[in-house]
Amino acid sequence: MYAAAAWLPGWAFLTAAPVKCAAGVGLCLIAFGHEEHLARLTLLFFTVSCALAGGVLALNLFSGATGTNATTFLFVALGAWVLLAVFFRTAARHHAAGTLLPVRVCVCGRVTELTALHDSGNTLSDAGRPVLVLAPDALPSAFPAPLAPYLTREALRSPPDLLEPFVKLSPSLRPRLLPYHAVGVPAGLLLSVESDWAEIGGPRYPCLRLALSPTGFGQGYSALWGGEIGKDGIGTYGDIRSNAGDGKASAGTDRRGNSLHRRQ
């Protein structure tokens, strides 16, 4: 209706830049007024509109046309739709489905932010609790400095040789070896440590165990998570530390004496 009114006699003021911006904002309020990220969607709307107009102009200059015709506009619109559908929608679907998750990990009091891939086929666990698998360079400065020589890709290829140095240099990390197997590769061991806490997609998991992989992952993420994706609040298994050897935890309570809920 706005585009048609701009061509009516006496309504030329609708083509002024401030009026165009106001009309665009009005369209976004109608379409996205109930959305949480209204400002972001409005910016995206203007960006796509400018890209479409720029594509039409570029095609006209390339073809030597003096004006914009329906064929040029439809050609550019089809190209923009393919670009959005093939590339941007695929990435957006991954985020919407929870495939890529924001992660914050606290180790020895140092907090590091990274991205994890939610891999439902990753069933690595410790005592029935999921484990976050980290690429070699996922936490470059989170560990104490004396452990740096043992955190290289070459060193992580021999987890049994790392257990004793980790126990001596940083026993608070509670280092432990975790057995694993994967399709197409022999079964092996991964060195694992205990974090202070980890936030994965929102929920916080106290004392989450981290497995240190000697190999990297795909682009865009540096960790693998096979556990559940919660919405808010505490993680799925609560605040339970490994109590091997201390004998202080009793059935139905954690080490602090707090009652445990189902699935904790």
C-alpha atoms as a PDB file:
ATOM      1  CA  MET A   1       0.000   0.000   0.000  1.00  0.00           C
ATOM      2  CA  TYR A   2       2.873   2.388   0.807  1.00  0.00           C
ATOM      3  CA  ALA A   3       4.659   1.639  -2.490  1.00  0.00           C
ATOM      4  CA  ALA A   4       1.458   2.224  -4.487  1.00  0.00           C
ATOM      5  CA  ALA A   5       0.599   5.440  -2.608  1.00  0.00           C
ATOM      6  CA  ALA A   6       4.038   6.875  -3.381  1.00  0.00           C
ATOM      7  CA  TRP A   7       3.049   7.045  -7.070  1.00  0.00           C
ATOM      8  CA  LEU A   8      -0.196   8.927  -6.511  1.00  0.00           C
ATOM      9  CA  PRO A   9      -0.412  12.614  -7.471  1.00  0.00           C
ATOM     10  CA  GLY A  10       0.442  14.810  -4.521  1.00  0.00           C
ATOM     11  CA  TRP A  11       1.996  11.985  -2.514  1.00  0.00           C
ATOM     12  CA  ALA A  12       5.573  12.359  -3.720  1.00  0.00           C
ATOM     13  CA  PHE A  13       6.695  13.236  -0.182  1.00  0.00           C
ATOM     14  CA  LEU A  14       6.415   9.499   0.603  1.00  0.00           C
ATOM     15  CA  THR A  15       9.630   8.945  -1.360  1.00  0.00           C
ATOM     16  CA  ALA A  16      11.682  11.137   0.987  1.00  0.00           C
ATOM     17  CA  ALA A  17      14.372   9.237   2.924  1.00  0.00           C
ATOM     18  CA  PRO A  18      12.950   9.917   6.424  1.00  0.00           C
ATOM     19  CA  VAL A  19       9.506   8.737   5.317  1.00  0.00           C
ATOM     20  CA  LYS A  20      11.032   5.609   3.760  1.00  0.00           C
ATOM     21  CA  CYS A  21      12.838   4.813   7.024  1.00  0.00           C
ATOM     22  CA  ALA A  22       9.655   5.395   9.015  1.00  0.00           C
ATOM     23  CA  ALA A  23       7.708   3.120   6.658  1.00  0.00           C
ATOM     24  CA  GLY A  24      10.353   0.418   7.048  1.00  0.00           C
ATOM     25  CA  VAL A  25      10.210   0.610  10.823  1.00  0.00           C
ATOM     26  CA  GLY A  26       6.422   0.469  10.659  1.00  0.00           C
ATOM     27  CA  LEU A  27       6.574  -2.670   8.514  1.00  0.00           C
ATOM     28  CA  CYS A  28       8.916  -4.289  11.057  1.00  0.00           C
ATOM     29  CA  LEU A  29       6.614  -3.372  13.942  1.00  0.00           C
ATOM     30  CA  ILE A  30       3.722  -5.053  12.113  1.00  0.00           C
ATOM     31  CA  ALA A  31       5.727  -8.154  11.218  1.00  0.00           C
ATOM     32  CA  PHE A  32       8.027  -8.546  14.235  1.00  0.00           C
ATOM     33  CA  GLY A  33       6.402  -6.473  16.973  1.00  0.00           C
ATOM     34  CA  HIS A  34       5.875  -9.548  19.154  1.00  0.00           C
ATOM     35  CA  GLU A  35       9.414 -10.890  18.685  1.00  0.00           C
ATOM     36  CA  GLU A  36      12.087 -10.674  21.378  1.00  0.00           C
ATOM     37  CA  HIS A  37      14.844  -9.235  19.148  1.00  0.00           C
ATOM     38  CA  LEU A  38      12.878  -6.492  17.395  1.00  0.00           C
ATOM     39  CA  ALA A  39      15.886  -4.195  16.881  1.00  0.00           C
ATOM     40  CA  ARG A  40      17.986  -6.998  15.401  1.00  0.00           C
ATOM     41  CA  LEU A  41      15.209  -8.059  13.033  1.00  0.00           C
ATOM     42  CA  THR A  42      14.634  -4.468  11.945  1.00  0.00           C
ATOM     43  CA  LEU A  43      18.328  -4.065  11.151  1.00  0.00           C
ATOM     44  CA  LEU A  44      18.252  -7.333   9.214  1.00  0.00           C
ATOM     45  CA  PHE A  45      15.212  -6.134   7.247  1.00  0.00           C
ATOM     46  CA  PHE A  46      16.987  -2.940   6.170  1.00  0.00           C
ATOM     47  CA  THR A  47      20.164  -4.867   5.355  1.00  0.00           C
ATOM     48  CA  VAL A  48      18.343  -7.324   3.103  1.00  0.00           C
ATOM     49  CA  SER A  49      16.427  -4.462   1.447  1.00  0.00           C
ATOM     50  CA  CYS A  50      19.649  -2.588   0.702  1.00  0.00           C
ATOM     51  CA  ALA A  51      21.296  -5.754  -0.601  1.00  0.00           C
ATOM     52  CA  LEU A  52      18.365  -6.417  -2.929  1.00  0.00           C
ATOM     53  CA  ALA A  53      18.411  -2.824  -4.237  1.00  0.00           C
ATOM     54  CA  GLY A  54      22.181  -2.989  -4.679  1.00  0.00           C
ATOM     55  CA  GLY A  55      21.852  -6.220  -6.617  1.00  0.00           C
ATOM     56  CA  VAL A  56      19.325  -4.646  -8.978  1.00  0.00           C
ATOM     57  CA  LEU A  57      21.590  -1.627  -9.515  1.00  0.00           C
ATOM     58  CA  ALA A  58      24.664  -3.808 -10.113  1.00  0.00           C
ATOM     59  CA  LEU A  59      22.830  -5.967 -12.632  1.00  0.00           C
ATOM     60  CA  ASN A  60      21.597  -2.873 -14.481  1.00  0.00           C
ATOM     61  CA  LEU A  61      25.114  -1.439 -14.663  1.00  0.00           C
ATOM     62  CA  PHE A  62      26.498  -4.777 -15.845  1.00  0.00           C
ATOM     63  CA  SER A  63      23.868  -5.181 -18.565  1.00  0.00           C
ATOM     64  CA  GLY A  64      23.931  -1.531 -19.616  1.00  0.00           C
ATOM     65  CA  ALA A  65      20.213  -1.062 -19.011  1.00  0.00           C
ATOM     66  CA  THR A  66      18.997   2.453 -18.346  1.00  0.00           C
ATOM     67  CA  GLY A  67      16.117   1.519 -16.078  1.00  0.00           C
ATOM     68  CA  THR A  68      14.816  -1.230 -13.842  1.00  0.00           C
ATOM     69  CA  ASN A  69      12.434  -3.709 -15.432  1.00  0.00           C
ATOM     70  CA  ALA A  70      10.462  -6.579 -14.010  1.00  0.00           C
ATOM     71  CA  THR A  71      12.837  -9.219 -15.383  1.00  0.00           C
ATOM     72  CA  THR A  72      15.845  -7.670 -13.659  1.00  0.00           C
ATOM     73  CA  PHE A  73      14.008  -7.330 -10.379  1.00  0.00           C
ATOM     74  CA  LEU A  74      12.687 -10.912 -10.435  1.00  0.00           C
ATOM     75  CA  PHE A  75      16.143 -12.272 -11.332  1.00  0.00           C
ATOM     76  CA  VAL A  76      17.798 -10.488  -8.423  1.00  0.00           C
ATOM     77  CA  ALA A  77      14.971 -11.401  -6.049  1.00  0.00           C
ATOM     78  CA  LEU A  78      15.333 -15.076  -6.998  1.00  0.00           C
ATOM     79  CA  GLY A  79      19.091 -14.914  -6.407  1.00  0.00           C
ATOM     80  CA  ALA A  80      18.584 -13.277  -3.009  1.00  0.00           C
ATOM     81  CA  TRP A  81      16.041 -15.913  -2.052  1.00  0.00           C
ATOM     82  CA  VAL A  82      18.416 -18.739  -3.006  1.00  0.00           C
ATOM     83  CA  LEU A  83      21.231 -17.121  -1.011  1.00  0.00           C
ATOM     84  CA  LEU A  84      19.074 -16.718   2.082  1.00  0.00           C
ATOM     85  CA  ALA A  85      17.476 -20.166   1.809  1.00  0.00           C
ATOM     86  CA  VAL A  86      20.644 -22.150   1.132  1.00  0.00           C
ATOM     87  CA  PHE A  87      23.180 -20.418   3.356  1.00  0.00           C
ATOM     88  CA  PHE A  88      21.584 -18.304   6.062  1.00  0.00           C
ATOM     89  CA  ARG A  89      18.562 -20.496   6.744  1.00  0.00           C
ATOM     90  CA  THR A  90      20.771 -23.571   7.191  1.00  0.00           C
ATOM     91  CA  ALA A  91      22.910 -21.782   9.784  1.00  0.00           C
ATOM     92  CA  ALA A  92      19.824 -20.391  11.505  1.00  0.00           C
ATOM     93  CA  ARG A  93      18.264 -23.844  11.661  1.00  0.00           C
ATOM     94  CA  HIS A  94      21.351 -25.192  13.425  1.00  0.00           C
ATOM     95  CA  HIS A  95      21.128 -22.471  16.084  1.00  0.00           C
ATOM     96  CA  ALA A  96      17.360 -22.811  16.469  1.00  0.00           C
ATOM     97  CA  ALA A  97      17.626 -26.561  16.906  1.00  0.00           C
ATOM     98  CA  GLY A  98      20.312 -26.122  19.529  1.00  0.00           C
ATOM     99  CA  THR A  99      23.071 -27.666  17.382  1.00  0.00           C
ATOM    100  CA  LEU A 100      25.548 -24.921  18.298  1.00  0.00           C
ATOM    101  CA  LEU A 101      25.542 -23.945  21.956  1.00  0.00           C
ATOM    102  CA  PRO A 102      27.268 -21.096  23.815  1.00  0.00           C
ATOM    103  CA  VAL A 103      29.472 -22.484  26.581  1.00  0.00           C
ATOM    104  CA  ARG A 104      31.175 -20.895  29.570  1.00  0.00           C
ATOM    105  CA  VAL A 105      33.664 -23.071  31.445  1.00  0.00           C
ATOM    106  CA  CYS A 106      35.302 -22.221  34.768  1.00  0.00           C
ATOM    107  CA  VAL A 107      38.563 -24.072  35.527  1.00  0.00           C
ATOM    108  CA  CYS A 108      40.661 -23.121  38.549  1.00  0.00           C
ATOM    109  CA  GLY A 109      38.664 -19.919  38.867  1.00  0.00           C
ATOM    110  CA  ARG A 110      39.275 -18.833  35.254  1.00  0.00           C
ATOM    111  CA  VAL A 111      36.235 -18.487  32.987  1.00  0.00           C
ATOM    112  CA  THR A 112      36.485 -19.185  29.247  1.00  0.00           C
ATOM    113  CA  GLU A 113      33.764 -18.751  26.630  1.00  0.00           C
ATOM    114  CA  LEU A 114      33.516 -21.068  23.632  1.00  0.00           C
ATOM    115  CA  THR A 115      31.029 -22.801  21.316  1.00  0.00           C
ATOM    116  CA  ALA A 116      30.003 -26.456  21.493  1.00  0.00           C
ATOM    117  CA  LEU A 117      28.314 -28.709  18.977  1.00  0.00           C
ATOM    118  CA  HIS A 118      25.390 -30.643  20.432  1.00  0.00           C
ATOM    119  CA  ASP A 119      26.068 -34.138  19.133  1.00  0.00           C
ATOM    120  CA  SER A 120      23.364 -36.618  20.097  1.00  0.00           C
ATOM    121  CA  GLY A 121      25.670 -39.438  19.004  1.00  0.00           C
ATOM    122  CA  ASN A 122      28.250 -38.455  21.605  1.00  0.00           C
ATOM    123  CA  THR A 123      27.508 -40.693  24.585  1.00  0.00           C
ATOM    124  CA  LEU A 124      30.776 -40.218  26.462  1.00  0.00           C
ATOM    125  CA  SER A 125      29.975 -40.175  30.160  1.00  0.00           C
ATOM    126  CA  ASP A 126      31.554 -40.552  33.576  1.00  0.00           C
ATOM    127  CA  ALA A 127      29.595 -42.429  36.236  1.00  0.00           C
ATOM    128  CA  GLY A 128      26.476 -41.966  34.132  1.00  0.00           C
ATOM    129  CA  ARG A 129      26.946 -38.197  33.768  1.00  0.00           C
ATOM    130  CA  PRO A 130      27.690 -36.568  30.378  1.00  0.00           C
ATOM    131  CA  VAL A 131      31.163 -35.220  29.673  1.00  0.00           C
ATOM    132  CA  LEU A 132      32.087 -32.123  27.693  1.00  0.00           C
ATOM    133  CA  VAL A 133      34.773 -32.997  25.127  1.00  0.00           C
ATOM    134  CA  LEU A 134      37.216 -30.162  24.399  1.00  0.00           C
ATOM    135  CA  ALA A 135      39.521 -29.566  21.453  1.00  0.00           C
ATOM    136  CA  PRO A 136      43.220 -29.124  22.335  1.00  0.00           C
ATOM    137  CA  ASP A 137      43.098 -25.327  22.021  1.00  0.00           C
ATOM    138  CA  ALA A 138      39.643 -24.809  23.572  1.00  0.00           C
ATOM    139  CA  LEU A 139      40.971 -23.574  26.937  1.00  0.00           C
ATOM    140  CA  PRO A 140      44.359 -22.070  26.109  1.00  0.00           C
ATOM    141  CA  SER A 141      44.877 -20.108  29.325  1.00  0.00           C
ATOM    142  CA  ALA A 142      42.405 -21.665  31.767  1.00  0.00           C
ATOM    143  CA  PHE A 143      44.765 -24.273  33.190  1.00  0.00           C
ATOM    144  CA  PRO A 144      47.649 -23.469  35.548  1.00  0.00           C
ATOM    145  CA  ALA A 145      50.861 -22.466  33.759  1.00  0.00           C
ATOM    146  CA  PRO A 146      52.870 -25.573  34.841  1.00  0.00           C
ATOM    147  CA  LEU A 147      50.444 -27.765  32.881  1.00  0.00           C
ATOM    148  CA  ALA A 148      51.020 -25.960  29.554  1.00  0.00           C
ATOM    149  CA  PRO A 149      53.637 -28.456  28.250  1.00  0.00           C
ATOM    150  CA  TYR A 150      51.163 -31.299  28.809  1.00  0.00           C
ATOM    151  CA  LEU A 151      48.273 -29.692  26.902  1.00  0.00           C
ATOM    152  CA  THR A 152      49.702 -29.842  23.375  1.00  0.00           C
ATOM    153  CA  ARG A 153      48.222 -32.067  20.699  1.00  0.00           C
ATOM    154  CA  GLU A 154      51.266 -34.337  20.806  1.00  0.00           C
ATOM    155  CA  ALA A 155      51.134 -34.732  24.581  1.00  0.00           C
ATOM    156  CA  LEU A 156      47.394 -35.411  24.642  1.00  0.00           C
ATOM    157  CA  ARG A 157      47.887 -38.362  22.301  1.00  0.00           C
ATOM    158  CA  SER A 158      49.316 -40.287  25.264  1.00  0.00           C
ATOM    159  CA  PRO A 159      46.803 -39.771  28.096  1.00  0.00           C
ATOM    160  CA  PRO A 160      48.296 -42.393  30.460  1.00  0.00           C
ATOM    161  CA  ASP A 161      51.582 -40.476  30.497  1.00  0.00           C
ATOM    162  CA  LEU A 162      49.774 -37.303  31.560  1.00  0.00           C
ATOM    163  CA  LEU A 163      47.880 -38.644  34.538  1.00  0.00           C
ATOM    164  CA  GLU A 164      50.791 -38.562  36.993  1.00  0.00           C
ATOM    165  CA  PRO A 165      51.962 -35.008  36.072  1.00  0.00           C
ATOM    166  CA  PHE A 166      48.408 -33.696  36.380  1.00  0.00           C
ATOM    167  CA  VAL A 167      47.960 -35.342  39.783  1.00  0.00           C
ATOM    168  CA  LYS A 168      51.228 -33.854  41.049  1.00  0.00           C
ATOM    169  CA  LEU A 169      50.886 -30.362  39.579  1.00  0.00           C
ATOM    170  CA  SER A 170      47.154 -29.766  40.019  1.00  0.00           C
ATOM    171  CA  PRO A 171      45.362 -32.411  42.130  1.00  0.00           C
ATOM    172  CA  SER A 172      42.337 -30.103  42.514  1.00  0.00           C
ATOM    173  CA  LEU A 173      41.445 -30.873  38.888  1.00  0.00           C
ATOM    174  CA  ARG A 174      40.800 -34.513  39.898  1.00  0.00           C
ATOM    175  CA  PRO A 175      42.373 -35.899  36.694  1.00  0.00           C
ATOM    176  CA  ARG A 176      41.120 -39.270  35.523  1.00  0.00           C
ATOM    177  CA  LEU A 177      41.292 -41.405  32.373  1.00  0.00           C
ATOM    178  CA  LEU A 178      38.077 -42.087  30.473  1.00  0.00           C
ATOM    179  CA  PRO A 179      37.760 -44.975  28.012  1.00  0.00           C
ATOM    180  CA  TYR A 180      36.061 -44.247  24.713  1.00  0.00           C
ATOM    181  CA  HIS A 181      35.364 -45.860  21.363  1.00  0.00           C
ATOM    182  CA  ALA A 182      34.317 -44.378  18.040  1.00  0.00           C
ATOM    183  CA  VAL A 183      33.305 -45.696  14.647  1.00  0.00           C
ATOM    184  CA  GLY A 184      36.294 -46.463  12.453  1.00  0.00           C
ATOM    185  CA  VAL A 185      38.973 -45.904  15.115  1.00  0.00           C
ATOM    186  CA  PRO A 186      40.379 -48.201  17.826  1.00  0.00           C
ATOM    187  CA  ALA A 187      39.158 -47.789  21.392  1.00  0.00           C
ATOM    188  CA  GLY A 188      41.326 -45.566  23.539  1.00  0.00           C
ATOM    189  CA  LEU A 189      41.576 -43.272  26.545  1.00  0.00           C
ATOM    190  CA  LEU A 190      41.022 -39.566  27.073  1.00  0.00           C
ATOM    191  CA  LEU A 191      42.433 -37.507  29.907  1.00  0.00           C
ATOM    192  CA  SER A 192      39.634 -35.806  31.827  1.00  0.00           C
ATOM    193  CA  VAL A 193      39.570 -33.138  34.522  1.00  0.00           C
ATOM    194  CA  GLU A 194      36.871 -31.656  36.721  1.00  0.00           C
ATOM    195  CA  SER A 195      35.772 -28.066  36.140  1.00  0.00           C
ATOM    196  CA  ASP A 196      34.474 -25.689  38.788  1.00  0.00           C
ATOM    197  CA  TRP A 197      31.321 -25.366  36.698  1.00  0.00           C
ATOM    198  CA  ALA A 198      30.194 -25.128  33.099  1.00  0.00           C
ATOM    199  CA  GLU A 199      27.241 -23.343  31.522  1.00  0.00           C
ATOM    200  CA  ILE A 200      26.042 -25.068  28.351  1.00  0.00           C
ATOM    201  CA  GLY A 201      23.251 -23.385  26.463  1.00  0.00           C
ATOM    202  CA  GLY A 202      22.132 -21.635  29.646  1.00  0.00           C
ATOM    203  CA  PRO A 203      21.991 -24.229  32.467  1.00  0.00           C
ATOM    204  CA  ARG A 204      24.953 -24.444  34.828  1.00  0.00           C
ATOM    205  CA  TYR A 205      26.524 -27.836  35.544  1.00  0.00           C
ATOM    206  CA  PRO A 206      28.599 -27.790  38.732  1.00  0.00           C
ATOM    207  CA  CYS A 207      31.778 -29.872  38.683  1.00  0.00           C
ATOM    208  CA  LEU A 208      31.265 -30.941  35.069  1.00  0.00           C
ATOM    209  CA  ARG A 209      33.974 -33.295  33.845  1.00  0.00           C
ATOM    210  CA  LEU A 210      35.959 -32.204  30.791  1.00  0.00           C
ATOM    211  CA  ALA A 211      37.629 -34.647  28.394  1.00  0.00           C
ATOM    212  CA  LEU A 212      40.693 -33.331  26.559  1.00  0.00           C
ATOM    213  CA  SER A 213      40.771 -34.510  22.956  1.00  0.00           C
ATOM    214  CA  PRO A 214      44.102 -34.647  21.065  1.00  0.00           C
ATOM    215  CA  THR A 215      42.378 -33.689  17.789  1.00  0.00           C
ATOM    216  CA  GLY A 216      40.419 -30.625  16.717  1.00  0.00           C
ATOM    217  CA  PHE A 217      36.808 -30.489  15.544  1.00  0.00           C
ATOM    218  CA  GLY A 218      34.946 -28.705  12.759  1.00  0.00           C
ATOM    219  CA  GLN A 219      35.014 -25.009  12.101  1.00  0.00           C
ATOM    220  CA  GLY A 220      32.895 -22.820  14.342  1.00  0.00           C
ATOM    221  CA  TYR A 221      33.057 -24.920  17.511  1.00  0.00           C
ATOM    222  CA  SER A 222      35.716 -26.257  19.858  1.00  0.00           C
ATOM    223  CA  ALA A 223      33.737 -28.644  22.071  1.00  0.00           C
ATOM    224  CA  LEU A 224      31.287 -31.545  21.823  1.00  0.00           C
ATOM    225  CA  TRP A 225      28.309 -32.018  24.121  1.00  0.00           C
ATOM    226  CA  GLY A 226      26.108 -35.112  24.136  1.00  0.00           C
ATOM    227  CA  GLY A 227      23.997 -34.344  27.214  1.00  0.00           C
ATOM    228  CA  GLU A 228      20.557 -32.842  27.370  1.00  0.00           C
ATOM    229  CA  ILE A 229      19.899 -29.215  26.556  1.00  0.00           C
ATOM    230  CA  GLY A 230      18.085 -27.546  29.429  1.00  0.00           C
ATOM    231  CA  LYS A 231      16.148 -24.310  29.280  1.00  0.00           C
ATOM    232  CA  ASP A 232      17.039 -22.482  32.491  1.00  0.00           C
ATOM    233  CA  GLY A 233      18.536 -23.060  35.870  1.00  0.00           C
ATOM    234  CA  ILE A 234      20.570 -25.976  37.113  1.00  0.00           C
ATOM    235  CA  GLY A 235      21.911 -28.720  34.875  1.00  0.00           C
ATOM    236  CA  THR A 236      20.442 -32.178  34.576  1.00  0.00           C
ATOM    237  CA  TYR A 237      22.575 -33.882  37.211  1.00  0.00           C
ATOM    238  CA  GLY A 238      22.841 -31.257  39.918  1.00  0.00           C
ATOM    239  CA  ASP A 239      25.875 -30.610  42.110  1.00  0.00           C
ATOM    240  CA  ILE A 240      27.546 -33.974  42.646  1.00  0.00           C
ATOM    241  CA  ARG A 241      31.294 -34.281  42.910  1.00  0.00           C
ATOM    242  CA  SER A 242      33.207 -37.472  42.448  1.00  0.00           C
ATOM    243  CA  ASN A 243      33.371 -38.882  45.974  1.00  0.00           C
ATOM    244  CA  ALA A 244      35.603 -41.861  45.351  1.00  0.00           C
ATOM    245  CA  GLY A 245      37.668 -42.474  48.436  1.00  0.00           C
ATOM    246  CA  ASP A 246      36.144 -39.885  50.752  1.00  0.00           C
ATOM    247  CA  GLY A 247      33.210 -41.955  51.974  1.00  0.00           C
ATOM    248  CA  LYS A 248      31.368 -38.847  53.122  1.00  0.00           C
ATOM    249  CA  ALA A 249      28.393 -38.886  50.794  1.00  0.00           C
ATOM    250  CA  SER A 250      25.346 -40.876  51.806  1.00  0.00           C
ATOM    251  CA  ALA A 251      22.448 -42.072  49.687  1.00  0.00           C
ATOM    252  CA  GLY A 252      20.095 -39.272  48.715  1.00  0.00           C
ATOM    253  CA  THR A 253      22.477 -36.413  49.604  1.00  0.00           C
ATOM    254  CA  ASP A 254      25.490 -34.749  48.037  1.00  0.00           C
ATOM    255  CA  ARG A 255      28.776 -34.005  49.762  1.00  0.00           C
ATOM    256  CA  ARG A 256      27.335 -30.851  51.282  1.00  0.00           C
ATOM    257  CA  GLY A 257      24.434 -32.780  52.781  1.00  0.00           C
ATOM    258  CA  ASN A 258      21.838 -31.270  50.451  1.00  0.00           C
ATOM    259  CA  SER A 259      18.950 -33.450  49.352  1.00  0.00           C
ATOM    260  CA  LEU A 260      19.152 -34.751  45.798  1.00  0.00           C
ATOM    261  CA  HIS A 261      16.255 -34.584  43.406  1.00  0.00           C
ATOM    262  CA  ARG A 262      15.340 -37.153  40.821  1.00  0.00           C
ATOM    263  CA  ARG A 263      17.867 -37.326  37.942  1.00  0.00           C
ATOM    264  CA  GLN A 264      20.547 -35.733  40.124  1.00  0.00           C
END
